């Protein structure tokens, strides 16, 4: 599925390249739609309609909703899907910042919907929420405001779905927002599950650099060794050093093909389109410009060291983006009524997506029972 979706995305880029070049030369001159592009668009439309049927919630006990919900003074995009309303509610916080996942996870999360009512949310400044609100919300785009948005969304879900508490799963940047949510309102959550868990932004790149260089030497990848040695350890005076780290982190985690495939998956996702690709890209840039600097100093103390909610970290065993070692040390240092670190072998920063079946197995085994106790 990922491979075919990637192919669709690459074909679209190739077919659209000539038209984009002509538009750039003369944006006022209408560009004729290439017949080959028309055929490709028909194929994508067919696949999208097929997926809509294949992944529809058909159970009379289920729920399938997608709408804008008033949160924090603006309309924010929320999707709710599950095969049985009686199941516990799981709110998934996407990473980024601004990297929405509500379109391209339809196949990955379908098995989750047998055990949970899965809620996804295009956060403030991201995806369809940004498209709806526009850039005027820029002054409100803070971690503090986003955590409050998440709490308001949780309150809405409790009332709308008739639940006392929910399960929170947060990926990467979303883990910063998620930890703040459970720290402020532990009464709303059965458990918190972090993955690609941010643990110490003050040391993140330095620890990741050492781990990458060690990995490159272990597998005798001379090109990686040369490029990493050339840039040296962080901090860097320009973005080039960080780009080299990201490049090799994705390579050693096997994430390159996966990340590209999300484009194709978005194009064939039920209810989604090229507009969602554009909205996602715009949200990533818009959010990063305002949120990255806010989290540079986020260490264990800033993230929180005392929680009243069970805390789980399901971390890729070789996460070179949010280093596994830092996440493990952070969990050891914090206090919680229950805490557990689970390394997912053979996985990296995107374990929740690339190994969604194993991730689900651990959720059902370790976390779901907490929501079923009196």
Protein backbone atom coordinates (compact mmCIF):
# COMPACT_ATOMS: atom_id res chain seq x y z
CA UNK A 1 0.00 0.00 0.00
CA UNK A 2 2.75 2.44 0.90
CA UNK A 3 4.70 1.65 -2.26
CA UNK A 4 1.77 2.17 -4.61
CA UNK A 5 0.81 5.37 -2.85
CA UNK A 6 4.36 6.65 -3.20
CA UNK A 7 4.26 5.85 -6.92
CA UNK A 8 1.03 7.83 -7.31
CA UNK A 9 2.58 10.80 -5.59
CA UNK A 10 5.73 10.73 -7.73
CA UNK A 11 3.72 10.41 -10.93
CA UNK A 12 1.64 13.42 -9.93
CA UNK A 13 4.78 15.47 -9.35
CA UNK A 14 6.24 14.45 -12.72
CA UNK A 15 3.04 15.10 -14.64
CA UNK A 16 2.49 18.41 -12.92
CA UNK A 17 6.05 19.64 -13.38
CA UNK A 18 5.59 21.08 -16.88
CA UNK A 19 2.38 22.83 -15.95
CA UNK A 20 3.97 24.31 -12.84
CA UNK A 21 6.92 25.58 -14.87
CA UNK A 22 4.63 27.23 -17.40
CA UNK A 23 2.57 28.79 -14.61
CA UNK A 24 5.70 30.20 -12.98
CA UNK A 25 6.68 31.90 -16.27
CA UNK A 26 3.27 33.48 -16.78
CA UNK A 27 0.84 33.03 -13.84
CA UNK A 28 -1.81 35.11 -15.61
CA UNK A 29 -1.94 32.75 -18.59
CA UNK A 30 -4.29 29.76 -18.03
CA UNK A 31 -2.49 26.45 -18.41
CA UNK A 32 -4.16 23.69 -20.41
CA UNK A 33 -4.65 20.60 -18.32
CA UNK A 34 -2.51 17.85 -19.80
CA UNK A 35 -4.57 14.84 -20.98
CA UNK A 36 -2.21 12.52 -19.13
CA UNK A 37 -2.84 14.44 -15.93
CA UNK A 38 -6.59 14.09 -16.52
CA UNK A 39 -6.19 10.31 -16.72
CA UNK A 40 -4.08 10.30 -13.59
CA UNK A 41 -6.64 12.45 -11.77
CA UNK A 42 -9.36 9.98 -12.79
CA UNK A 43 -7.26 7.13 -11.36
CA UNK A 44 -6.73 8.96 -8.08
CA UNK A 45 -10.45 9.74 -7.86
CA UNK A 46 -11.26 6.07 -8.42
CA UNK A 47 -8.83 4.96 -5.71
CA UNK A 48 -10.19 7.56 -3.32
CA UNK A 49 -13.75 6.36 -3.87
CA UNK A 50 -12.68 2.74 -3.46
CA UNK A 51 -10.92 3.52 -0.19
CA UNK A 52 -13.95 5.42 1.06
CA UNK A 53 -16.00 2.25 0.65
CA UNK A 54 -13.33 -0.10 1.96
CA UNK A 55 -12.63 1.88 5.13
CA UNK A 56 -16.15 3.10 5.88
CA UNK A 57 -17.49 2.45 9.38
CA UNK A 58 -20.42 0.11 8.72
CA UNK A 59 -21.20 -1.05 12.23
CA UNK A 60 -24.45 0.28 13.64
CA UNK A 61 -22.56 0.68 16.92
CA UNK A 62 -19.80 2.67 15.32
CA UNK A 63 -19.07 6.34 14.71
CA UNK A 64 -17.58 8.21 11.74
CA UNK A 65 -17.48 12.00 11.97
CA UNK A 66 -15.33 14.74 10.45
CA UNK A 67 -16.08 18.37 11.18
CA UNK A 68 -14.88 21.70 12.50
CA UNK A 69 -15.30 22.07 16.25
CA UNK A 70 -15.15 25.43 18.11
CA UNK A 71 -11.96 25.21 20.21
CA UNK A 72 -10.02 28.08 21.70
CA UNK A 73 -11.99 30.73 19.84
CA UNK A 74 -11.49 29.25 16.35
CA UNK A 75 -12.86 26.36 14.28
CA UNK A 76 -10.53 23.34 14.44
CA UNK A 77 -10.69 20.17 12.32
CA UNK A 78 -11.50 16.95 14.20
CA UNK A 79 -12.13 13.42 12.93
CA UNK A 80 -13.72 10.65 15.03
CA UNK A 81 -13.77 7.04 13.88
CA UNK A 82 -14.48 3.75 15.60
CA UNK A 83 -16.35 0.48 15.19
CA UNK A 84 -18.05 0.66 18.59
CA UNK A 85 -18.96 3.71 20.66
CA UNK A 86 -18.54 1.61 23.80
CA UNK A 87 -14.78 1.41 23.16
CA UNK A 88 -12.43 3.77 25.01
CA UNK A 89 -11.63 7.06 23.26
CA UNK A 90 -8.06 7.58 22.05
CA UNK A 91 -6.95 11.08 21.08
CA UNK A 92 -3.90 11.11 18.81
CA UNK A 93 -1.72 14.23 18.77
CA UNK A 94 0.29 14.66 15.58
CA UNK A 95 3.87 15.88 15.54
CA UNK A 96 5.64 18.43 13.44
CA UNK A 97 4.96 21.06 14.51
CA UNK A 98 2.15 21.28 11.99
CA UNK A 99 2.51 17.76 10.54
CA UNK A 100 -1.13 16.67 10.31
CA UNK A 101 -1.84 12.95 9.95
CA UNK A 102 -5.64 12.81 9.70
CA UNK A 103 -5.65 12.05 5.94
CA UNK A 104 -2.87 9.55 5.35
CA UNK A 105 -3.34 7.27 8.39
CA UNK A 106 -6.70 5.85 7.22
CA UNK A 107 -5.26 2.39 6.46
CA UNK A 108 -2.73 2.28 9.33
CA UNK A 109 -5.24 3.17 12.02
CA UNK A 110 -8.15 1.09 10.67
CA UNK A 111 -7.25 -1.88 12.93
CA UNK A 112 -7.04 0.52 15.89
CA UNK A 113 -10.69 1.41 15.31
CA UNK A 114 -11.70 -2.11 16.36
CA UNK A 115 -10.43 -1.42 19.89
CA UNK A 116 -10.68 2.37 20.27
CA UNK A 117 -12.66 5.33 19.06
CA UNK A 118 -9.77 7.15 17.39
CA UNK A 119 -9.81 10.94 17.34
CA UNK A 120 -7.43 13.02 15.24
CA UNK A 121 -7.08 16.78 15.39
CA UNK A 122 -5.47 19.28 13.03
CA UNK A 123 -3.89 21.44 15.70
CA UNK A 124 -3.92 25.24 15.77
CA UNK A 125 -1.78 26.47 12.88
CA UNK A 126 -1.89 23.17 10.98
CA UNK A 127 -3.74 21.54 8.08
CA UNK A 128 -7.43 22.28 7.65
CA UNK A 129 -7.51 24.24 10.90
CA UNK A 130 -5.00 26.75 9.51
CA UNK A 131 -6.85 26.85 6.18
CA UNK A 132 -10.05 27.73 8.05
CA UNK A 133 -8.61 30.29 10.47
CA UNK A 134 -5.97 31.87 8.25
CA UNK A 135 -2.61 33.28 9.36
CA UNK A 136 -4.23 35.90 11.61
CA UNK A 137 -4.01 33.40 14.49
CA UNK A 138 -0.20 33.67 14.48
CA UNK A 139 -0.01 35.62 17.79
CA UNK A 140 -1.95 32.85 19.53
CA UNK A 141 0.25 30.02 18.24
CA UNK A 142 1.98 29.01 21.48
CA UNK A 143 2.51 25.70 23.24
CA UNK A 144 0.51 27.04 26.18
CA UNK A 145 -2.48 27.87 23.97
CA UNK A 146 -2.26 24.55 22.12
CA UNK A 147 -2.27 22.61 25.39
CA UNK A 148 -5.38 24.51 26.44
CA UNK A 149 -6.92 23.72 23.04
CA UNK A 150 -6.23 20.05 23.69
CA UNK A 151 -7.91 20.23 27.08
CA UNK A 152 -10.95 21.96 25.56
CA UNK A 153 -11.10 19.28 22.87
CA UNK A 154 -10.94 16.56 25.53
CA UNK A 155 -13.81 18.19 27.42
CA UNK A 156 -15.78 18.27 24.18
CA UNK A 157 -15.07 14.58 23.54
CA UNK A 158 -16.15 13.62 27.05
CA UNK A 159 -19.50 15.30 26.57
CA UNK A 160 -19.99 14.37 22.92
CA UNK A 161 -19.05 10.71 23.34
CA UNK A 162 -20.28 10.17 26.88
CA UNK A 163 -16.92 9.34 28.47
CA UNK A 164 -15.36 10.35 31.78
CA UNK A 165 -11.76 10.02 30.61
CA UNK A 166 -9.80 9.32 27.45
CA UNK A 167 -6.41 7.88 26.44
CA UNK A 168 -3.87 10.33 25.01
CA UNK A 169 -1.26 9.20 22.46
CA UNK A 170 1.23 11.84 21.32
CA UNK A 171 3.93 11.72 18.65
CA UNK A 172 7.12 13.81 18.49
CA UNK A 173 6.29 17.54 18.87
CA UNK A 174 2.81 16.51 19.93
CA UNK A 175 4.39 14.94 23.02
CA UNK A 176 5.32 18.41 24.29
CA UNK A 177 1.69 19.50 24.03
CA UNK A 178 0.41 16.16 25.38
CA UNK A 179 2.55 16.16 28.52
CA UNK A 180 1.37 19.67 29.33
CA UNK A 181 -2.24 18.55 28.90
CA UNK A 182 -1.94 15.65 31.34
CA UNK A 183 0.07 17.74 33.77
CA UNK A 184 -2.66 20.39 33.92
CA UNK A 185 -5.68 18.09 33.88
CA UNK A 186 -4.84 14.54 34.99
CA UNK A 187 -8.50 13.98 35.82
CA UNK A 188 -9.30 13.85 32.08
CA UNK A 189 -6.97 11.00 31.11
CA UNK A 190 -6.68 7.27 31.78
CA UNK A 191 -3.10 7.27 30.50
CA UNK A 192 -0.54 9.12 28.43
CA UNK A 193 1.46 7.32 25.71
CA UNK A 194 4.41 9.16 24.19
CA UNK A 195 6.19 8.00 21.03
CA UNK A 196 9.02 9.75 19.29
CA UNK A 197 8.97 11.27 22.76
CA UNK A 198 10.66 14.63 23.20
CA UNK A 199 12.76 14.43 26.37
CA UNK A 200 15.41 17.15 26.35
CA UNK A 201 15.59 19.63 23.50
CA UNK A 202 18.70 21.22 25.01
CA UNK A 203 20.66 17.99 24.39
CA UNK A 204 18.61 16.44 21.58
CA UNK A 205 20.84 17.12 18.57
CA UNK A 206 24.11 16.45 20.38
CA UNK A 207 22.93 13.03 21.59
CA UNK A 208 21.41 12.25 18.18
CA UNK A 209 24.68 13.16 16.45
CA UNK A 210 26.70 10.78 18.62
CA UNK A 211 24.17 8.00 18.06
CA UNK A 212 24.18 8.55 14.29
CA UNK A 213 27.96 8.51 14.05
CA UNK A 214 28.09 5.36 16.17
CA UNK A 215 25.48 3.72 13.91
CA UNK A 216 27.32 4.77 10.74
CA UNK A 217 30.54 3.22 12.02
CA UNK A 218 28.78 0.06 13.16
CA UNK A 219 27.40 -0.58 9.67
CA UNK A 220 30.52 0.78 7.91
CA UNK A 221 28.60 3.42 5.95
CA UNK A 222 31.55 5.54 4.84
CA UNK A 223 29.45 8.22 3.18
CA UNK A 224 27.50 8.80 6.41
CA UNK A 225 30.73 8.82 8.41
CA UNK A 226 32.29 11.39 6.06
CA UNK A 227 29.28 13.72 6.00
CA UNK A 228 28.70 13.57 9.76
CA UNK A 229 32.39 14.04 10.50
CA UNK A 230 32.55 17.00 8.15
CA UNK A 231 29.73 18.91 9.87
CA UNK A 232 30.93 17.93 13.34
CA UNK A 233 28.74 17.93 16.45
CA UNK A 234 26.08 20.62 17.01
CA UNK A 235 25.26 23.43 17.55
CA UNK A 236 25.56 24.62 13.96
CA UNK A 237 25.90 28.14 12.59
CA UNK A 238 23.60 27.33 9.67
CA UNK A 239 20.86 24.89 8.79
CA UNK A 240 23.20 22.66 6.78
CA UNK A 241 24.39 20.71 9.81
CA UNK A 242 20.86 19.98 10.95
CA UNK A 243 19.85 18.93 7.43
CA UNK A 244 22.69 16.40 7.36
CA UNK A 245 21.53 15.00 10.71
CA UNK A 246 17.91 14.74 9.51
CA UNK A 247 19.08 13.07 6.29
CA UNK A 248 20.95 10.30 8.06
CA UNK A 249 18.38 9.94 10.84
CA UNK A 250 15.72 9.19 8.23
CA UNK A 251 18.07 6.89 6.34
CA UNK A 252 19.07 4.74 9.30
CA UNK A 253 15.48 4.60 10.56
CA UNK A 254 14.27 3.49 7.11
CA UNK A 255 11.89 6.44 7.06
CA UNK A 256 12.70 7.99 3.68
CA UNK A 257 10.27 5.94 1.63
CA UNK A 258 7.61 6.12 4.34
CA UNK A 259 7.74 9.91 4.54
CA UNK A 260 7.44 10.28 0.77
CA UNK A 261 4.57 7.79 0.68
CA UNK A 262 2.40 10.00 2.89
CA UNK A 263 1.94 12.28 -0.12
CA UNK A 264 0.44 9.48 -2.19
CA UNK A 265 -1.66 8.25 0.73
CA UNK A 266 -3.13 11.73 1.18
CA UNK A 267 -4.11 11.86 -2.50
CA UNK A 268 -6.07 8.59 -2.29
CA UNK A 269 -7.48 9.11 1.22
CA UNK A 270 -11.26 9.26 1.64
CA UNK A 271 -12.42 12.86 1.73
CA UNK A 272 -8.97 14.30 0.99
CA UNK A 273 -7.32 15.85 -2.06
CA UNK A 274 -4.39 17.88 -3.40
CA UNK A 275 -5.71 20.75 -1.28
CA UNK A 276 -4.86 18.77 1.85
CA UNK A 277 -1.29 18.24 0.61
CA UNK A 278 -0.94 22.00 0.16
CA UNK A 279 -2.60 22.78 3.50
CA UNK A 280 -0.30 20.36 5.30
CA UNK A 281 2.82 21.87 3.74
CA UNK A 282 1.65 25.39 4.55
CA UNK A 283 0.93 24.40 8.15
CA UNK A 284 4.35 22.84 8.65
CA UNK A 285 6.11 26.04 7.57
CA UNK A 286 3.73 28.34 9.44
CA UNK A 287 3.92 26.32 12.68
CA UNK A 288 7.67 25.73 12.61
CA UNK A 289 8.40 29.44 12.22
CA UNK A 290 6.54 30.16 15.46
CA UNK A 291 6.89 27.06 17.63
CA UNK A 292 10.40 25.68 17.17
CA UNK A 293 12.06 28.57 19.02
CA UNK A 294 9.55 28.18 21.86
CA UNK A 295 10.73 24.64 22.57
CA UNK A 296 14.52 24.96 22.24
CA UNK A 297 14.90 25.05 26.02
CA UNK A 298 12.41 22.29 26.80
CA UNK A 299 14.25 19.96 29.16
CA UNK A 300 12.89 17.45 31.67
CA UNK A 301 11.97 20.14 34.21
CA UNK A 302 10.07 22.17 31.63
CA UNK A 303 8.27 19.09 30.30
CA UNK A 304 7.38 17.97 33.82
CA UNK A 305 8.79 15.62 36.41
CA UNK A 306 5.67 14.82 38.42
CA UNK A 307 2.46 13.44 36.96
CA UNK A 308 -0.73 11.99 38.41
CA UNK A 309 -1.51 9.99 35.25
CA UNK A 310 0.07 6.67 34.17
CA UNK A 311 2.88 7.44 31.72
CA UNK A 312 4.02 5.11 28.93
CA UNK A 313 6.76 5.67 26.35
CA UNK A 314 6.51 3.39 23.31
CA UNK A 315 9.77 4.41 21.67
CA UNK A 316 11.51 3.15 18.55
CA UNK A 317 14.59 1.29 19.74
CA UNK A 318 16.68 3.33 17.29
CA UNK A 319 15.12 6.78 17.24
CA UNK A 320 17.75 9.19 15.91
CA UNK A 321 15.35 12.16 15.83
CA UNK A 322 14.14 12.14 19.44
CA UNK A 323 16.91 9.92 20.82
CA UNK A 324 15.78 6.75 22.54
CA UNK A 325 18.38 7.13 25.31
CA UNK A 326 17.06 10.56 26.29
CA UNK A 327 13.47 9.31 26.42
CA UNK A 328 14.51 6.38 28.61
CA UNK A 329 16.43 8.65 31.02
CA UNK A 330 13.53 11.08 31.20
CA UNK A 331 11.04 8.37 32.13
CA UNK A 332 13.38 7.13 34.86
CA UNK A 333 13.55 10.65 36.31
CA UNK A 334 9.83 11.46 36.37
CA UNK A 335 7.26 10.42 38.97
CA UNK A 336 3.92 8.85 38.01
CA UNK A 337 1.50 6.34 39.57
CA UNK A 338 2.66 3.94 36.87
CA UNK A 339 5.34 4.32 34.25
CA UNK A 340 6.68 1.98 31.61
CA UNK A 341 9.24 2.21 28.81
CA UNK A 342 8.71 -0.08 25.84
CA UNK A 343 11.36 -0.13 23.08
CA UNK A 344 9.96 -1.18 19.71
CA UNK A 345 12.72 -3.19 18.08
CA UNK A 346 13.62 -2.40 14.48
CA UNK A 347 11.79 0.91 14.68
CA UNK A 348 12.75 4.58 14.81
CA UNK A 349 11.03 7.92 15.19
CA UNK A 350 7.95 6.89 13.19
CA UNK A 351 7.30 3.60 14.98
CA UNK A 352 3.64 4.46 15.57
CA UNK A 353 3.07 4.53 11.79
CA UNK A 354 5.68 2.18 10.33
CA UNK A 355 4.96 -0.48 12.97
CA UNK A 356 1.36 0.43 13.75
CA UNK A 357 0.38 -3.24 14.24
CA UNK A 358 2.95 -3.77 17.00
CA UNK A 359 2.09 -0.41 18.50
CA UNK A 360 -1.59 -1.39 18.60
CA UNK A 361 -0.74 -4.75 20.22
CA UNK A 362 1.01 -2.96 23.09
CA UNK A 363 -1.78 -0.41 23.44
CA UNK A 364 -4.36 -3.16 23.78
CA UNK A 365 -2.18 -5.18 26.14
CA UNK A 366 -0.88 -2.44 28.44
CA UNK A 367 -3.03 0.68 28.15
CA UNK A 368 -6.58 -0.24 27.13
CA UNK A 369 -7.20 -2.24 30.36
CA UNK A 370 -6.72 0.96 32.38
CA UNK A 371 -9.85 2.39 30.75
CA UNK A 372 -11.95 -0.68 31.59
CA UNK A 373 -11.38 -0.74 35.34
CA UNK A 374 -14.13 0.65 37.60
